[in-house]
Amino acid sequence: MQAVSALKKIGATLAGVSLAGAVWAQDGADATLPELKTLGIPNQDGYGFQAPATELMTDVIALDTFLLWIITIISLFVTGLLLYCVFVFNAKRNKKPATFTHNSVLEVAWTVVPIIVLIIMIPPSLTLLFKQQEIPAADITIKATGNQWYWSHEYVDHGFGFDSFMLPKEDLAANGYEQDEYLLATDTAVVVPTGKVIVVQVTGADVIHAWTIPAFGVKQDAVPGRLAQLWFEVDEGKEGIYFGQCSELCGKDHSYMPITVKAVSQADYDTWLASAKAEYAQGPVTVKVADANMIKVLETEAAN
């Protein structure tokens, strides 16, 4: 409990710090967004991938299915071969074992066939890899910075940003989230329009983090001192809420730094952006670096 008290004191001190380079734009701007369905979320007892919301994720699933067919055929063939050998060449059926040691045809076959299989796998794999790594011209650029243990997002072209802290359970309903979205929902969400190329510049402020949205098919390590990039384009008609999490073990509160992205129509995005920019234009405001939400989470963790 002494640690929690110390955190409260630190939080109260840091909460009074004003930073000109960032602003909690979504506190008021979020109210301009329509009610959205949660689309990108893990399902209890589910298996496989989340439903794709981008062309990249659709391609990832297609490649995974293609490779699954290949490995299934190989596994069935090898299993059948083993069963055949066990049945035909067991000691009861072969009182006198064979004495040959080599078969040139078989040796060439089990060398050439795997090579052919690998060659078949190369085109779709490299095509997808280049598609992910060749960053197209951005319609919107967002900088994501991983911190211990929350994310900071900056709309580079518009000069404002905000920190995103995980919502405690008791605050989920007030922010429009369900109870089963605990550990996934944040107090401020990244807002993007559908049908537009979003480029995310990813870096870390302290240790290595990773910015990941499974439904978008994107994952990028956030390395301190380096600026990496990823891109995605949410399909038209797939407006909704998508969740992600830090995917690089970054410390004791690694599981408490989720990512929330709200994909909306262009018109709704323009309305939100105008409100966010107007709020930022009011001047530097207090940035909740040690947010009360995080203190609540730490208190809960300490109590348990």
C-alpha atoms as a PDB file:
ATOM      1  CA  MET A   1       0.000   0.000   0.000  1.00  0.00           C
ATOM      2  CA  GLN A   2       2.961   2.330   0.538  1.00  0.00           C
ATOM      3  CA  ALA A   3       3.800   1.860  -3.130  1.00  0.00           C
ATOM      4  CA  VAL A   4       0.254   2.835  -4.127  1.00  0.00           C
ATOM      5  CA  SER A   5       0.426   5.954  -1.936  1.00  0.00           C
ATOM      6  CA  ALA A   6       3.685   6.909  -3.565  1.00  0.00           C
ATOM      7  CA  LEU A   7       2.164   6.398  -7.006  1.00  0.00           C
ATOM      8  CA  LYS A   8      -0.747   8.647  -6.049  1.00  0.00           C
ATOM      9  CA  LYS A   9       1.652  11.401  -5.015  1.00  0.00           C
ATOM     10  CA  ILE A  10       3.645  11.032  -8.215  1.00  0.00           C
ATOM     11  CA  GLY A  11       0.456  10.990 -10.234  1.00  0.00           C
ATOM     12  CA  ALA A  12      -0.833  14.146  -8.589  1.00  0.00           C
ATOM     13  CA  THR A  13       2.435  15.884  -9.354  1.00  0.00           C
ATOM     14  CA  LEU A  14       2.637  14.761 -12.964  1.00  0.00           C
ATOM     15  CA  ALA A  15      -1.028  15.518 -13.604  1.00  0.00           C
ATOM     16  CA  GLY A  16      -0.264  19.180 -13.078  1.00  0.00           C
ATOM     17  CA  VAL A  17       2.371  19.299 -15.783  1.00  0.00           C
ATOM     18  CA  SER A  18       1.406  21.210 -18.930  1.00  0.00           C
ATOM     19  CA  LEU A  19       2.882  20.136 -22.243  1.00  0.00           C
ATOM     20  CA  ALA A  20       2.425  22.268 -25.327  1.00  0.00           C
ATOM     21  CA  GLY A  21       3.012  19.394 -27.726  1.00  0.00           C
ATOM     22  CA  ALA A  22       0.048  17.210 -26.734  1.00  0.00           C
ATOM     23  CA  VAL A  23      -3.629  17.576 -25.941  1.00  0.00           C
ATOM     24  CA  TRP A  24      -6.493  15.384 -24.772  1.00  0.00           C
ATOM     25  CA  ALA A  25      -8.489  16.179 -27.906  1.00  0.00           C
ATOM     26  CA  GLN A  26     -10.853  13.241 -27.650  1.00  0.00           C
ATOM     27  CA  ASP A  27     -12.422  14.185 -24.321  1.00  0.00           C
ATOM     28  CA  GLY A  28     -14.839  16.458 -26.198  1.00  0.00           C
ATOM     29  CA  ALA A  29     -14.397  15.294 -29.788  1.00  0.00           C
ATOM     30  CA  ASP A  30     -15.417  11.720 -29.013  1.00  0.00           C
ATOM     31  CA  ALA A  31     -18.950  12.916 -28.376  1.00  0.00           C
ATOM     32  CA  THR A  32     -19.301  13.745 -32.079  1.00  0.00           C
ATOM     33  CA  LEU A  33     -18.871  10.101 -33.129  1.00  0.00           C
ATOM     34  CA  PRO A  34     -21.873   7.861 -33.842  1.00  0.00           C
ATOM     35  CA  GLU A  35     -22.540   4.710 -31.832  1.00  0.00           C
ATOM     36  CA  LEU A  36     -20.252   1.989 -33.162  1.00  0.00           C
ATOM     37  CA  LYS A  37     -20.343  -1.797 -32.983  1.00  0.00           C
ATOM     38  CA  THR A  38     -17.352  -3.683 -31.674  1.00  0.00           C
ATOM     39  CA  LEU A  39     -15.973  -5.682 -34.600  1.00  0.00           C
ATOM     40  CA  GLY A  40     -12.316  -6.368 -33.845  1.00  0.00           C
ATOM     41  CA  ILE A  41     -12.254  -8.320 -30.595  1.00  0.00           C
ATOM     42  CA  PRO A  42     -11.104 -11.807 -29.502  1.00  0.00           C
ATOM     43  CA  ASN A  43     -13.939 -14.266 -28.898  1.00  0.00           C
ATOM     44  CA  GLN A  44     -14.249 -16.536 -25.892  1.00  0.00           C
ATOM     45  CA  ASP A  45     -13.427 -20.140 -26.895  1.00  0.00           C
ATOM     46  CA  GLY A  46     -12.884 -18.951 -30.452  1.00  0.00           C
ATOM     47  CA  TYR A  47     -10.191 -20.173 -32.809  1.00  0.00           C
ATOM     48  CA  GLY A  48      -8.600 -18.828 -35.947  1.00  0.00           C
ATOM     49  CA  PHE A  49      -8.263 -15.167 -36.831  1.00  0.00           C
ATOM     50  CA  GLN A  50     -10.545 -12.245 -36.129  1.00  0.00           C
ATOM     51  CA  ALA A  51     -12.780 -11.178 -39.016  1.00  0.00           C
ATOM     52  CA  PRO A  52     -10.615  -9.134 -41.407  1.00  0.00           C
ATOM     53  CA  ALA A  53     -11.244  -5.398 -41.692  1.00  0.00           C
ATOM     54  CA  THR A  54      -8.516  -4.638 -44.226  1.00  0.00           C
ATOM     55  CA  GLU A  55      -7.234  -6.080 -47.478  1.00  0.00           C
ATOM     56  CA  LEU A  56      -3.960  -6.867 -45.705  1.00  0.00           C
ATOM     57  CA  MET A  57      -5.691  -9.085 -43.158  1.00  0.00           C
ATOM     58  CA  THR A  58      -7.756 -10.763 -45.877  1.00  0.00           C
ATOM     59  CA  ASP A  59      -4.491 -11.622 -47.643  1.00  0.00           C
ATOM     60  CA  VAL A  60      -2.958 -12.904 -44.389  1.00  0.00           C
ATOM     61  CA  ILE A  61      -5.881 -15.269 -43.890  1.00  0.00           C
ATOM     62  CA  ALA A  62      -5.699 -16.407 -47.538  1.00  0.00           C
ATOM     63  CA  LEU A  63      -1.984 -17.181 -47.186  1.00  0.00           C
ATOM     64  CA  ASP A  64      -2.579 -18.988 -43.899  1.00  0.00           C
ATOM     65  CA  THR A  65      -5.296 -21.123 -45.514  1.00  0.00           C
ATOM     66  CA  PHE A  66      -3.031 -21.905 -48.479  1.00  0.00           C
ATOM     67  CA  LEU A  67      -0.200 -23.003 -46.168  1.00  0.00           C
ATOM     68  CA  LEU A  68      -2.633 -24.983 -44.020  1.00  0.00           C
ATOM     69  CA  TRP A  69      -3.676 -27.020 -47.071  1.00  0.00           C
ATOM     70  CA  ILE A  70      -0.030 -27.737 -47.888  1.00  0.00           C
ATOM     71  CA  ILE A  71       0.907 -28.816 -44.363  1.00  0.00           C
ATOM     72  CA  THR A  72      -2.279 -30.883 -44.061  1.00  0.00           C
ATOM     73  CA  ILE A  73      -1.491 -32.805 -47.248  1.00  0.00           C
ATOM     74  CA  ILE A  74       2.114 -33.349 -46.093  1.00  0.00           C
ATOM     75  CA  SER A  75       1.009 -34.472 -42.629  1.00  0.00           C
ATOM     76  CA  LEU A  76      -1.561 -36.908 -44.019  1.00  0.00           C
ATOM     77  CA  PHE A  77       0.985 -38.309 -46.488  1.00  0.00           C
ATOM     78  CA  VAL A  78       3.660 -38.807 -43.819  1.00  0.00           C
ATOM     79  CA  THR A  79       1.148 -40.313 -41.380  1.00  0.00           C
ATOM     80  CA  GLY A  80      -0.101 -42.701 -44.060  1.00  0.00           C
ATOM     81  CA  LEU A  81       3.458 -43.654 -44.970  1.00  0.00           C
ATOM     82  CA  LEU A  82       4.296 -44.372 -41.332  1.00  0.00           C
ATOM     83  CA  LEU A  83       1.196 -46.516 -40.882  1.00  0.00           C
ATOM     84  CA  TYR A  84       1.998 -48.391 -44.102  1.00  0.00           C
ATOM     85  CA  CYS A  85       5.547 -49.082 -42.913  1.00  0.00           C
ATOM     86  CA  VAL A  86       4.345 -50.210 -39.483  1.00  0.00           C
ATOM     87  CA  PHE A  87       1.789 -52.584 -41.039  1.00  0.00           C
ATOM     88  CA  VAL A  88       3.856 -53.988 -43.915  1.00  0.00           C
ATOM     89  CA  PHE A  89       7.358 -54.042 -42.451  1.00  0.00           C
ATOM     90  CA  ASN A  90       6.741 -55.148 -38.889  1.00  0.00           C
ATOM     91  CA  ALA A  91       8.662 -58.086 -37.376  1.00  0.00           C
ATOM     92  CA  LYS A  92       5.742 -60.514 -37.648  1.00  0.00           C
ATOM     93  CA  ARG A  93       5.424 -60.025 -41.407  1.00  0.00           C
ATOM     94  CA  ASN A  94       9.163 -59.811 -42.056  1.00  0.00           C
ATOM     95  CA  LYS A  95      10.970 -62.592 -40.257  1.00  0.00           C
ATOM     96  CA  LYS A  96      14.011 -61.825 -42.344  1.00  0.00           C
ATOM     97  CA  PRO A  97      14.611 -58.058 -42.591  1.00  0.00           C
ATOM     98  CA  ALA A  98      15.772 -56.435 -45.807  1.00  0.00           C
ATOM     99  CA  THR A  99      19.470 -55.656 -46.081  1.00  0.00           C
ATOM    100  CA  PHE A 100      19.470 -52.816 -48.637  1.00  0.00           C
ATOM    101  CA  THR A 101      20.712 -49.409 -47.428  1.00  0.00           C
ATOM    102  CA  HIS A 102      20.108 -46.993 -50.292  1.00  0.00           C
ATOM    103  CA  ASN A 103      17.488 -46.127 -52.884  1.00  0.00           C
ATOM    104  CA  SER A 104      18.599 -43.412 -55.253  1.00  0.00           C
ATOM    105  CA  VAL A 105      15.109 -42.646 -56.573  1.00  0.00           C
ATOM    106  CA  LEU A 106      13.667 -42.156 -53.081  1.00  0.00           C
ATOM    107  CA  GLU A 107      16.634 -40.065 -51.949  1.00  0.00           C
ATOM    108  CA  VAL A 108      16.251 -37.731 -54.927  1.00  0.00           C
ATOM    109  CA  ALA A 109      12.473 -37.579 -54.444  1.00  0.00           C
ATOM    110  CA  TRP A 110      12.536 -36.581 -50.767  1.00  0.00           C
ATOM    111  CA  THR A 111      15.079 -33.876 -51.602  1.00  0.00           C
ATOM    112  CA  VAL A 112      13.427 -32.464 -54.730  1.00  0.00           C
ATOM    113  CA  VAL A 113       9.793 -32.570 -53.570  1.00  0.00           C
ATOM    114  CA  PRO A 114      10.360 -30.355 -50.483  1.00  0.00           C
ATOM    115  CA  ILE A 115      12.270 -27.892 -52.670  1.00  0.00           C
ATOM    116  CA  ILE A 116       9.312 -27.744 -55.074  1.00  0.00           C
ATOM    117  CA  VAL A 117       6.934 -27.198 -52.149  1.00  0.00           C
ATOM    118  CA  LEU A 118       9.079 -24.324 -50.865  1.00  0.00           C
ATOM    119  CA  ILE A 119       9.218 -22.751 -54.325  1.00  0.00           C
ATOM    120  CA  ILE A 120       5.406 -22.911 -54.524  1.00  0.00           C
ATOM    121  CA  MET A 121       5.196 -21.107 -51.162  1.00  0.00           C
ATOM    122  CA  ILE A 122       7.526 -18.268 -52.170  1.00  0.00           C
ATOM    123  CA  PRO A 123       5.299 -16.153 -54.525  1.00  0.00           C
ATOM    124  CA  PRO A 124       2.298 -15.632 -52.192  1.00  0.00           C
ATOM    125  CA  SER A 125       4.556 -15.151 -49.153  1.00  0.00           C
ATOM    126  CA  LEU A 126       6.819 -12.545 -50.752  1.00  0.00           C
ATOM    127  CA  THR A 127       3.881 -10.801 -52.414  1.00  0.00           C
ATOM    128  CA  LEU A 128       2.207 -10.285 -49.043  1.00  0.00           C
ATOM    129  CA  LEU A 129       5.479  -9.312 -47.354  1.00  0.00           C
ATOM    130  CA  PHE A 130       6.203  -6.607 -49.920  1.00  0.00           C
ATOM    131  CA  LYS A 131       2.597  -5.420 -49.737  1.00  0.00           C
ATOM    132  CA  GLN A 132       2.941  -4.946 -45.980  1.00  0.00           C
ATOM    133  CA  GLN A 133       6.397  -3.381 -46.023  1.00  0.00           C
ATOM    134  CA  GLU A 134       6.124  -1.050 -49.037  1.00  0.00           C
ATOM    135  CA  ILE A 135       4.429   1.928 -47.410  1.00  0.00           C
ATOM    136  CA  PRO A 136       2.054   3.763 -49.793  1.00  0.00           C
ATOM    137  CA  ALA A 137       1.402   7.495 -49.776  1.00  0.00           C
ATOM    138  CA  ALA A 138      -0.495   8.341 -46.624  1.00  0.00           C
ATOM    139  CA  ASP A 139      -3.874  10.027 -46.451  1.00  0.00           C
ATOM    140  CA  ILE A 140      -3.422  10.297 -42.678  1.00  0.00           C
ATOM    141  CA  THR A 141      -0.221   9.911 -40.658  1.00  0.00           C
ATOM    142  CA  ILE A 142      -0.322   8.965 -36.983  1.00  0.00           C
ATOM    143  CA  LYS A 143       2.678   8.605 -34.695  1.00  0.00           C
ATOM    144  CA  ALA A 144       2.329   5.941 -31.995  1.00  0.00           C
ATOM    145  CA  THR A 145       4.773   6.003 -29.086  1.00  0.00           C
ATOM    146  CA  GLY A 146       4.904   3.150 -26.605  1.00  0.00           C
ATOM    147  CA  ASN A 147       5.428   4.106 -22.979  1.00  0.00           C
ATOM    148  CA  GLN A 148       5.532   2.114 -19.760  1.00  0.00           C
ATOM    149  CA  TRP A 149       2.623   1.387 -19.800  1.00  0.00           C
ATOM    150  CA  TYR A 150       0.362   3.292 -22.179  1.00  0.00           C
ATOM    151  CA  TRP A 151       0.331   4.563 -25.753  1.00  0.00           C
ATOM    152  CA  SER A 152       0.692   8.132 -27.001  1.00  0.00           C
ATOM    153  CA  HIS A 153      -0.852   8.944 -30.388  1.00  0.00           C
ATOM    154  CA  GLU A 154      -0.097  12.049 -32.414  1.00  0.00           C
ATOM    155  CA  TYR A 155      -1.905  13.180 -35.558  1.00  0.00           C
ATOM    156  CA  VAL A 156       1.225  14.411 -37.312  1.00  0.00           C
ATOM    157  CA  ASP A 157      -0.501  16.402 -40.071  1.00  0.00           C
ATOM    158  CA  HIS A 158      -2.785  18.225 -37.660  1.00  0.00           C
ATOM    159  CA  GLY A 159      -0.495  18.979 -34.737  1.00  0.00           C
ATOM    160  CA  PHE A 160      -2.275  17.358 -31.825  1.00  0.00           C
ATOM    161  CA  GLY A 161      -2.014  14.171 -29.837  1.00  0.00           C
ATOM    162  CA  PHE A 162      -3.216  12.329 -26.750  1.00  0.00           C
ATOM    163  CA  ASP A 163      -2.327   9.515 -24.378  1.00  0.00           C
ATOM    164  CA  SER A 164      -4.433   6.348 -24.228  1.00  0.00           C
ATOM    165  CA  PHE A 165      -4.813   4.602 -20.869  1.00  0.00           C
ATOM    166  CA  MET A 166      -6.661   1.366 -20.194  1.00  0.00           C
ATOM    167  CA  LEU A 167     -10.116   1.880 -18.711  1.00  0.00           C
ATOM    168  CA  PRO A 168     -10.833   0.369 -15.284  1.00  0.00           C
ATOM    169  CA  LYS A 169     -13.831  -1.962 -15.061  1.00  0.00           C
ATOM    170  CA  GLU A 170     -16.014   0.584 -13.303  1.00  0.00           C
ATOM    171  CA  ASP A 171     -15.523   3.135 -16.099  1.00  0.00           C
ATOM    172  CA  LEU A 172     -16.322   0.868 -19.063  1.00  0.00           C
ATOM    173  CA  ALA A 173     -20.082   1.454 -19.158  1.00  0.00           C
ATOM    174  CA  ALA A 174     -19.710   5.234 -18.850  1.00  0.00           C
ATOM    175  CA  ASN A 175     -17.478   5.188 -21.925  1.00  0.00           C
ATOM    176  CA  GLY A 176     -19.799   2.968 -23.973  1.00  0.00           C
ATOM    177  CA  TYR A 177     -17.966  -0.344 -23.593  1.00  0.00           C
ATOM    178  CA  GLU A 178     -19.090  -3.768 -22.366  1.00  0.00           C
ATOM    179  CA  GLN A 179     -17.664  -5.449 -19.281  1.00  0.00           C
ATOM    180  CA  ASP A 180     -16.019  -8.175 -21.363  1.00  0.00           C
ATOM    181  CA  GLU A 181     -13.996  -5.458 -23.109  1.00  0.00           C
ATOM    182  CA  TYR A 182     -11.952  -4.887 -19.970  1.00  0.00           C
ATOM    183  CA  LEU A 183      -8.196  -4.936 -20.684  1.00  0.00           C
ATOM    184  CA  LEU A 184      -9.006  -3.913 -24.280  1.00  0.00           C
ATOM    185  CA  ALA A 185     -10.773  -0.528 -24.084  1.00  0.00           C
ATOM    186  CA  THR A 186      -8.951   2.769 -23.567  1.00  0.00           C
ATOM    187  CA  ASP A 187     -10.159   6.141 -22.367  1.00  0.00           C
ATOM    188  CA  THR A 188      -9.164   7.748 -25.682  1.00  0.00           C
ATOM    189  CA  ALA A 189      -9.285   5.963 -29.035  1.00  0.00           C
ATOM    190  CA  VAL A 190      -7.496   6.449 -32.325  1.00  0.00           C
ATOM    191  CA  VAL A 191     -10.091   7.584 -34.874  1.00  0.00           C
ATOM    192  CA  VAL A 192      -9.593   6.873 -38.593  1.00  0.00           C
ATOM    193  CA  PRO A 193     -11.820   7.043 -41.672  1.00  0.00           C
ATOM    194  CA  THR A 194     -12.593   3.955 -43.738  1.00  0.00           C
ATOM    195  CA  GLY A 195     -11.302   3.764 -47.295  1.00  0.00           C
ATOM    196  CA  LYS A 196      -8.214   5.877 -46.565  1.00  0.00           C
ATOM    197  CA  VAL A 197      -4.554   4.889 -46.285  1.00  0.00           C
ATOM    198  CA  ILE A 198      -3.435   5.263 -42.678  1.00  0.00           C
ATOM    199  CA  VAL A 199       0.317   5.255 -42.042  1.00  0.00           C
ATOM    200  CA  VAL A 200       1.376   4.720 -38.426  1.00  0.00           C
ATOM    201  CA  GLN A 201       4.870   5.725 -37.369  1.00  0.00           C
ATOM    202  CA  VAL A 202       5.838   3.537 -34.425  1.00  0.00           C
ATOM    203  CA  THR A 203       8.523   4.154 -31.815  1.00  0.00           C
ATOM    204  CA  GLY A 204       9.189   3.538 -28.133  1.00  0.00           C
ATOM    205  CA  ALA A 205       9.964   6.010 -25.366  1.00  0.00           C
ATOM    206  CA  ASP A 206      11.641   3.591 -22.958  1.00  0.00           C
ATOM    207  CA  VAL A 207      11.711  -0.125 -23.870  1.00  0.00           C
ATOM    208  CA  ILE A 208      10.529  -2.174 -26.846  1.00  0.00           C
ATOM    209  CA  HIS A 209       6.751  -2.283 -27.262  1.00  0.00           C
ATOM    210  CA  ALA A 210       4.662  -3.419 -30.270  1.00  0.00           C
ATOM    211  CA  TRP A 211       1.631  -1.728 -31.875  1.00  0.00           C
ATOM    212  CA  THR A 212      -0.792  -4.429 -33.004  1.00  0.00           C
ATOM    213  CA  ILE A 213      -4.353  -4.550 -34.332  1.00  0.00           C
ATOM    214  CA  PRO A 214      -5.194  -8.181 -35.256  1.00  0.00           C
ATOM    215  CA  ALA A 215      -8.243  -7.357 -37.419  1.00  0.00           C
ATOM    216  CA  PHE A 216      -6.078  -5.007 -39.524  1.00  0.00           C
ATOM    217  CA  GLY A 217      -3.259  -7.507 -40.030  1.00  0.00           C
ATOM    218  CA  VAL A 218      -0.613  -5.117 -38.656  1.00  0.00           C
ATOM    219  CA  LYS A 219       2.061  -5.551 -36.008  1.00  0.00           C
ATOM    220  CA  GLN A 220       5.177  -3.416 -35.593  1.00  0.00           C
ATOM    221  CA  ASP A 221       7.771  -3.280 -32.838  1.00  0.00           C
ATOM    222  CA  ALA A 222       8.186   0.122 -31.168  1.00  0.00           C
ATOM    223  CA  VAL A 223      11.938   0.443 -30.636  1.00  0.00           C
ATOM    224  CA  PRO A 224      13.375   3.418 -28.717  1.00  0.00           C
ATOM    225  CA  GLY A 225      15.466   5.622 -30.990  1.00  0.00           C
ATOM    226  CA  ARG A 226      13.976   4.183 -34.186  1.00  0.00           C
ATOM    227  CA  LEU A 227      10.954   5.178 -36.233  1.00  0.00           C
ATOM    228  CA  ALA A 228       9.281   2.236 -37.970  1.00  0.00           C
ATOM    229  CA  GLN A 229       6.147   2.372 -40.105  1.00  0.00           C
ATOM    230  CA  LEU A 230       3.088   0.292 -40.873  1.00  0.00           C
ATOM    231  CA  TRP A 231       0.001   0.976 -42.937  1.00  0.00           C
ATOM    232  CA  PHE A 232      -3.573  -0.167 -43.276  1.00  0.00           C
ATOM    233  CA  GLU A 233      -6.807   0.808 -44.987  1.00  0.00           C
ATOM    234  CA  VAL A 234     -10.060  -0.165 -43.301  1.00  0.00           C
ATOM    235  CA  ASP A 235     -12.558  -1.481 -45.847  1.00  0.00           C
ATOM    236  CA  GLU A 236     -15.561   0.663 -46.699  1.00  0.00           C
ATOM    237  CA  GLY A 237     -18.633  -0.353 -44.731  1.00  0.00           C
ATOM    238  CA  LYS A 238     -16.629  -1.767 -41.813  1.00  0.00           C
ATOM    239  CA  GLU A 239     -17.132   1.108 -39.415  1.00  0.00           C
ATOM    240  CA  GLY A 240     -16.682  -0.059 -35.852  1.00  0.00           C
ATOM    241  CA  ILE A 241     -14.390  -0.449 -32.866  1.00  0.00           C
ATOM    242  CA  TYR A 242     -11.225  -2.523 -33.153  1.00  0.00           C
ATOM    243  CA  PHE A 243      -8.983  -3.573 -30.295  1.00  0.00           C
ATOM    244  CA  GLY A 244      -5.305  -4.349 -30.140  1.00  0.00           C
ATOM    245  CA  GLN A 245      -2.652  -4.726 -27.478  1.00  0.00           C
ATOM    246  CA  CYS A 246       1.048  -4.287 -26.964  1.00  0.00           C
ATOM    247  CA  SER A 247       2.565  -7.488 -28.341  1.00  0.00           C
ATOM    248  CA  GLU A 248       6.097  -7.209 -26.983  1.00  0.00           C
ATOM    249  CA  LEU A 249       6.840  -8.112 -23.366  1.00  0.00           C
ATOM    250  CA  CYS A 250       7.691  -4.675 -21.976  1.00  0.00           C
ATOM    251  CA  GLY A 251       7.483  -4.971 -18.199  1.00  0.00           C
ATOM    252  CA  LYS A 252       5.164  -5.759 -15.322  1.00  0.00           C
ATOM    253  CA  ASP A 253       2.175  -3.791 -16.702  1.00  0.00           C
ATOM    254  CA  HIS A 254       2.597  -5.076 -20.239  1.00  0.00           C
ATOM    255  CA  SER A 255      -0.948  -6.479 -20.206  1.00  0.00           C
ATOM    256  CA  TYR A 256      -2.380  -3.076 -19.253  1.00  0.00           C
ATOM    257  CA  MET A 257      -1.574  -1.078 -22.415  1.00  0.00           C
ATOM    258  CA  PRO A 258      -4.259  -1.906 -24.985  1.00  0.00           C
ATOM    259  CA  ILE A 259      -5.045  -0.021 -28.204  1.00  0.00           C
ATOM    260  CA  THR A 260      -8.506   1.087 -29.312  1.00  0.00           C
ATOM    261  CA  VAL A 261      -9.192   2.198 -32.884  1.00  0.00           C
ATOM    262  CA  LYS A 262     -12.532   3.587 -34.041  1.00  0.00           C
ATOM    263  CA  ALA A 263     -13.097   3.367 -37.801  1.00  0.00           C
ATOM    264  CA  VAL A 264     -15.786   5.740 -39.041  1.00  0.00           C
ATOM    265  CA  SER A 265     -17.072   7.171 -42.304  1.00  0.00           C
ATOM    266  CA  GLN A 266     -15.238  10.095 -43.880  1.00  0.00           C
ATOM    267  CA  ALA A 267     -18.031  12.495 -42.924  1.00  0.00           C
ATOM    268  CA  ASP A 268     -17.962  11.385 -39.282  1.00  0.00           C
ATOM    269  CA  TYR A 269     -14.177  11.591 -39.253  1.00  0.00           C
ATOM    270  CA  ASP A 270     -14.250  15.139 -40.626  1.00  0.00           C
ATOM    271  CA  THR A 271     -16.683  16.152 -37.895  1.00  0.00           C
ATOM    272  CA  TRP A 272     -14.528  14.536 -35.219  1.00  0.00           C
ATOM    273  CA  LEU A 273     -11.349  16.084 -36.629  1.00  0.00           C
ATOM    274  CA  ALA A 274     -12.835  19.587 -36.710  1.00  0.00           C
ATOM    275  CA  SER A 275     -13.879  19.217 -33.073  1.00  0.00           C
ATOM    276  CA  ALA A 276     -10.467  17.846 -32.084  1.00  0.00           C
ATOM    277  CA  LYS A 277      -8.595  20.629 -33.877  1.00  0.00           C
ATOM    278  CA  ALA A 278     -10.859  23.265 -32.349  1.00  0.00           C
ATOM    279  CA  GLU A 279     -10.160  21.855 -28.916  1.00  0.00           C
ATOM    280  CA  TYR A 280      -6.435  21.871 -29.589  1.00  0.00           C
ATOM    281  CA  ALA A 281      -6.620  25.441 -30.903  1.00  0.00           C
ATOM    282  CA  GLN A 282      -7.644  26.606 -27.420  1.00  0.00           C
ATOM    283  CA  GLY A 283      -4.007  26.390 -26.466  1.00  0.00           C
ATOM    284  CA  PRO A 284      -1.805  24.138 -24.323  1.00  0.00           C
ATOM    285  CA  VAL A 285      -3.780  22.119 -21.826  1.00  0.00           C
ATOM    286  CA  THR A 286      -2.875  19.868 -18.937  1.00  0.00           C
ATOM    287  CA  VAL A 287      -1.830  16.445 -20.094  1.00  0.00           C
ATOM    288  CA  LYS A 288      -2.842  13.643 -17.762  1.00  0.00           C
ATOM    289  CA  VAL A 289       0.512  11.900 -17.841  1.00  0.00           C
ATOM    290  CA  ALA A 290      -0.222   9.944 -14.646  1.00  0.00           C
ATOM    291  CA  ASP A 291      -3.887   9.494 -15.396  1.00  0.00           C
ATOM    292  CA  ALA A 292      -6.370   8.734 -12.628  1.00  0.00           C
ATOM    293  CA  ASN A 293      -7.465   5.665 -14.616  1.00  0.00           C
ATOM    294  CA  MET A 294      -4.007   4.154 -14.368  1.00  0.00           C
ATOM    295  CA  ILE A 295      -3.916   4.829 -10.633  1.00  0.00           C
ATOM    296  CA  LYS A 296      -7.225   2.944 -10.305  1.00  0.00           C
ATOM    297  CA  VAL A 297      -5.744   0.007 -12.185  1.00  0.00           C
ATOM    298  CA  LEU A 298      -2.658  -0.012  -9.986  1.00  0.00           C
ATOM    299  CA  GLU A 299      -4.785   0.166  -6.846  1.00  0.00           C
ATOM    300  CA  THR A 300      -6.820  -2.824  -8.041  1.00  0.00           C
ATOM    301  CA  GLU A 301      -3.650  -4.738  -8.875  1.00  0.00           C
ATOM    302  CA  ALA A 302      -2.166  -3.986  -5.446  1.00  0.00           C
ATOM    303  CA  ALA A 303      -5.389  -5.035  -3.679  1.00  0.00           C
ATOM    304  CA  ASN A 304      -5.361  -8.388  -5.441  1.00  0.00           C
END
